[in-house]
Each structure stands twice: as C-alpha cells, then as structure tokens.
Amino acid sequence: MPSKSTSTDTTTDPLAPTGEVSRLSVNINADTAAKLRWYKDNKHISITETVRRAVALLYLVEQETEGGNEILIRSKDGKSVRQLWMV
C-alpha cells in the first residue's frame, strides 16, 4: 500500500489538482514497455491514450472488486470462465 505524504506542499506532486493536465515521468521495465508499445501499435493510439486506458481499466477493476463484485473472463465459446484476481 503506498504511503501517504504528510506534506502540504503539492508543487512536487505531478497529480496535484493544478489544472486539467498532469505531466508524469515514470520508470518501467522492458517487459512493461513492450506491452504498452504492443497495445499502442495494435490500437493505433498514442502512449498517452494507452496509459489513460490502462488506468481507467485498473480503476474499474478496483472499484468493482472493492464493492464485492468479481471480474470474470469467459472464453469465446462460453464453455470456460476464469476469475481475474488483482493483488
């Protein structure tokens, strides 16, 4: 669980509510970068849009599971179902 900052200085927080856009710089490993690139290339979208979608999906999954719901993945033929677990 991420620790919460006790500082009142938000000038160093890239997600501080100072405007409509926040600029982030993140460090990711090669595997994560390859997955982001794969999605970007397959959907013909920008890295920014790729990250937006990833965050939106993560948020949806967290909101649903915190509410007691399960996330299920059903095969095309409908014969097999798997449950998605987030740790």
C-alpha atoms as a PDB file:
ATOM      1  CA  MET A   1       0.000   0.000   0.000  1.00  0.00           C
ATOM      2  CA  PRO A   2       1.508   3.372  -0.967  1.00  0.00           C
ATOM      3  CA  SER A   3       2.326   5.683   1.882  1.00  0.00           C
ATOM      4  CA  LYS A   4       0.526   8.988   2.095  1.00  0.00           C
ATOM      5  CA  SER A   5       2.530  12.178   2.147  1.00  0.00           C
ATOM      6  CA  THR A   6       2.043  14.408   5.149  1.00  0.00           C
ATOM      7  CA  SER A   7       3.499  17.411   3.367  1.00  0.00           C
ATOM      8  CA  THR A   8       1.208  20.273   2.427  1.00  0.00           C
ATOM      9  CA  ASP A   9       3.478  21.235  -0.481  1.00  0.00           C
ATOM     10  CA  THR A  10       1.788  19.986  -3.670  1.00  0.00           C
ATOM     11  CA  THR A  11       4.221  21.636  -6.078  1.00  0.00           C
ATOM     12  CA  THR A  12       6.218  18.390  -6.309  1.00  0.00           C
ATOM     13  CA  ASP A  13       3.122  16.210  -6.771  1.00  0.00           C
ATOM     14  CA  PRO A  14       2.555  15.587 -10.502  1.00  0.00           C
ATOM     15  CA  LEU A  15      -1.054  14.625  -9.793  1.00  0.00           C
ATOM     16  CA  ALA A  16      -1.878  17.730  -7.781  1.00  0.00           C
ATOM     17  CA  PRO A  17      -5.121  19.356  -8.958  1.00  0.00           C
ATOM     18  CA  THR A  18      -3.476  22.402 -10.535  1.00  0.00           C
ATOM     19  CA  GLY A  19      -5.054  22.116 -13.965  1.00  0.00           C
ATOM     20  CA  GLU A  20      -6.543  19.798 -16.492  1.00  0.00           C
ATOM     21  CA  VAL A  21      -3.289  18.065 -17.442  1.00  0.00           C
ATOM     22  CA  SER A  22      -0.607  16.406 -15.321  1.00  0.00           C
ATOM     23  CA  ARG A  23       2.773  15.524 -16.792  1.00  0.00           C
ATOM     24  CA  LEU A  24       4.326  12.333 -15.453  1.00  0.00           C
ATOM     25  CA  SER A  25       7.680  10.682 -15.830  1.00  0.00           C
ATOM     26  CA  VAL A  26       7.794   7.028 -14.835  1.00  0.00           C
ATOM     27  CA  ASN A  27      10.389   4.296 -14.855  1.00  0.00           C
ATOM     28  CA  ILE A  28       9.193   0.938 -16.209  1.00  0.00           C
ATOM     29  CA  ASN A  29      10.989  -2.266 -17.071  1.00  0.00           C
ATOM     30  CA  ALA A  30      11.451  -3.553 -20.615  1.00  0.00           C
ATOM     31  CA  ASP A  31       8.571  -6.037 -20.358  1.00  0.00           C
ATOM     32  CA  THR A  32       6.079  -3.343 -19.323  1.00  0.00           C
ATOM     33  CA  ALA A  33       7.349  -1.003 -22.053  1.00  0.00           C
ATOM     34  CA  ALA A  34       6.920  -3.763 -24.646  1.00  0.00           C
ATOM     35  CA  LYS A  35       3.333  -4.391 -23.514  1.00  0.00           C
ATOM     36  CA  LEU A  36       2.496  -0.690 -23.682  1.00  0.00           C
ATOM     37  CA  ARG A  37       4.064  -0.467 -27.156  1.00  0.00           C
ATOM     38  CA  TRP A  38       2.182  -3.575 -28.311  1.00  0.00           C
ATOM     39  CA  TYR A  39      -1.171  -2.116 -27.218  1.00  0.00           C
ATOM     40  CA  LYS A  40      -0.359   1.317 -28.697  1.00  0.00           C
ATOM     41  CA  ASP A  41       0.627  -0.198 -32.026  1.00  0.00           C
ATOM     42  CA  ASN A  42      -2.344  -2.577 -32.222  1.00  0.00           C
ATOM     43  CA  LYS A  43      -4.898   0.114 -31.391  1.00  0.00           C
ATOM     44  CA  HIS A  44      -3.105   2.862 -33.368  1.00  0.00           C
ATOM     45  CA  ILE A  45      -3.212   5.255 -30.427  1.00  0.00           C
ATOM     46  CA  SER A  46      -0.681   7.345 -28.523  1.00  0.00           C
ATOM     47  CA  ILE A  47       1.216   6.202 -25.452  1.00  0.00           C
ATOM     48  CA  THR A  48      -0.758   8.826 -23.516  1.00  0.00           C
ATOM     49  CA  GLU A  49      -4.064   7.264 -24.586  1.00  0.00           C
ATOM     50  CA  THR A  50      -2.668   3.807 -23.847  1.00  0.00           C
ATOM     51  CA  VAL A  51      -1.830   4.837 -20.279  1.00  0.00           C
ATOM     52  CA  ARG A  52      -5.242   6.536 -19.891  1.00  0.00           C
ATOM     53  CA  ARG A  53      -6.978   3.312 -20.876  1.00  0.00           C
ATOM     54  CA  ALA A  54      -4.790   1.207 -18.597  1.00  0.00           C
ATOM     55  CA  VAL A  55      -5.532   3.473 -15.627  1.00  0.00           C
ATOM     56  CA  ALA A  56      -9.265   3.502 -16.430  1.00  0.00           C
ATOM     57  CA  LEU A  57      -9.310  -0.303 -16.570  1.00  0.00           C
ATOM     58  CA  LEU A  58      -7.370  -0.619 -13.315  1.00  0.00           C
ATOM     59  CA  TYR A  59      -9.745   1.856 -11.661  1.00  0.00           C
ATOM     60  CA  LEU A  60     -12.807  -0.073 -12.897  1.00  0.00           C
ATOM     61  CA  VAL A  61     -11.444  -3.395 -11.644  1.00  0.00           C
ATOM     62  CA  GLU A  62     -10.538  -1.940  -8.239  1.00  0.00           C
ATOM     63  CA  GLN A  63     -13.919  -0.222  -7.821  1.00  0.00           C
ATOM     64  CA  GLU A  64     -15.821  -3.382  -8.717  1.00  0.00           C
ATOM     65  CA  THR A  65     -13.769  -5.738  -6.554  1.00  0.00           C
ATOM     66  CA  GLU A  66     -13.811  -3.350  -3.590  1.00  0.00           C
ATOM     67  CA  GLY A  67     -17.597  -3.355  -3.957  1.00  0.00           C
ATOM     68  CA  GLY A  68     -17.614  -7.138  -3.594  1.00  0.00           C
ATOM     69  CA  ASN A  69     -18.023  -7.965  -7.282  1.00  0.00           C
ATOM     70  CA  GLU A  70     -15.953 -10.469  -9.252  1.00  0.00           C
ATOM     71  CA  ILE A  71     -14.283  -9.886 -12.623  1.00  0.00           C
ATOM     72  CA  LEU A  72     -14.796 -12.902 -14.885  1.00  0.00           C
ATOM     73  CA  ILE A  73     -13.280 -13.779 -18.252  1.00  0.00           C
ATOM     74  CA  ARG A  74     -15.391 -16.064 -20.423  1.00  0.00           C
ATOM     75  CA  SER A  75     -13.995 -17.936 -23.426  1.00  0.00           C
ATOM     76  CA  LYS A  76     -15.440 -17.206 -26.872  1.00  0.00           C
ATOM     77  CA  ASP A  77     -17.351 -20.472 -26.871  1.00  0.00           C
ATOM     78  CA  GLY A  78     -18.735 -19.758 -23.395  1.00  0.00           C
ATOM     79  CA  LYS A  79     -17.516 -23.089 -22.042  1.00  0.00           C
ATOM     80  CA  SER A  80     -14.818 -21.788 -19.754  1.00  0.00           C
ATOM     81  CA  VAL A  81     -14.767 -18.976 -17.226  1.00  0.00           C
ATOM     82  CA  ARG A  82     -11.802 -17.638 -15.290  1.00  0.00           C
ATOM     83  CA  GLN A  83     -11.828 -15.169 -12.437  1.00  0.00           C
ATOM     84  CA  LEU A  84      -9.461 -12.192 -12.555  1.00  0.00           C
ATOM     85  CA  TRP A  85      -7.601 -11.583  -9.297  1.00  0.00           C
ATOM     86  CA  MET A  86      -5.725  -8.378  -8.538  1.00  0.00           C
ATOM     87  CA  VAL A  87      -3.045  -8.435  -5.864  1.00  0.00           C
END
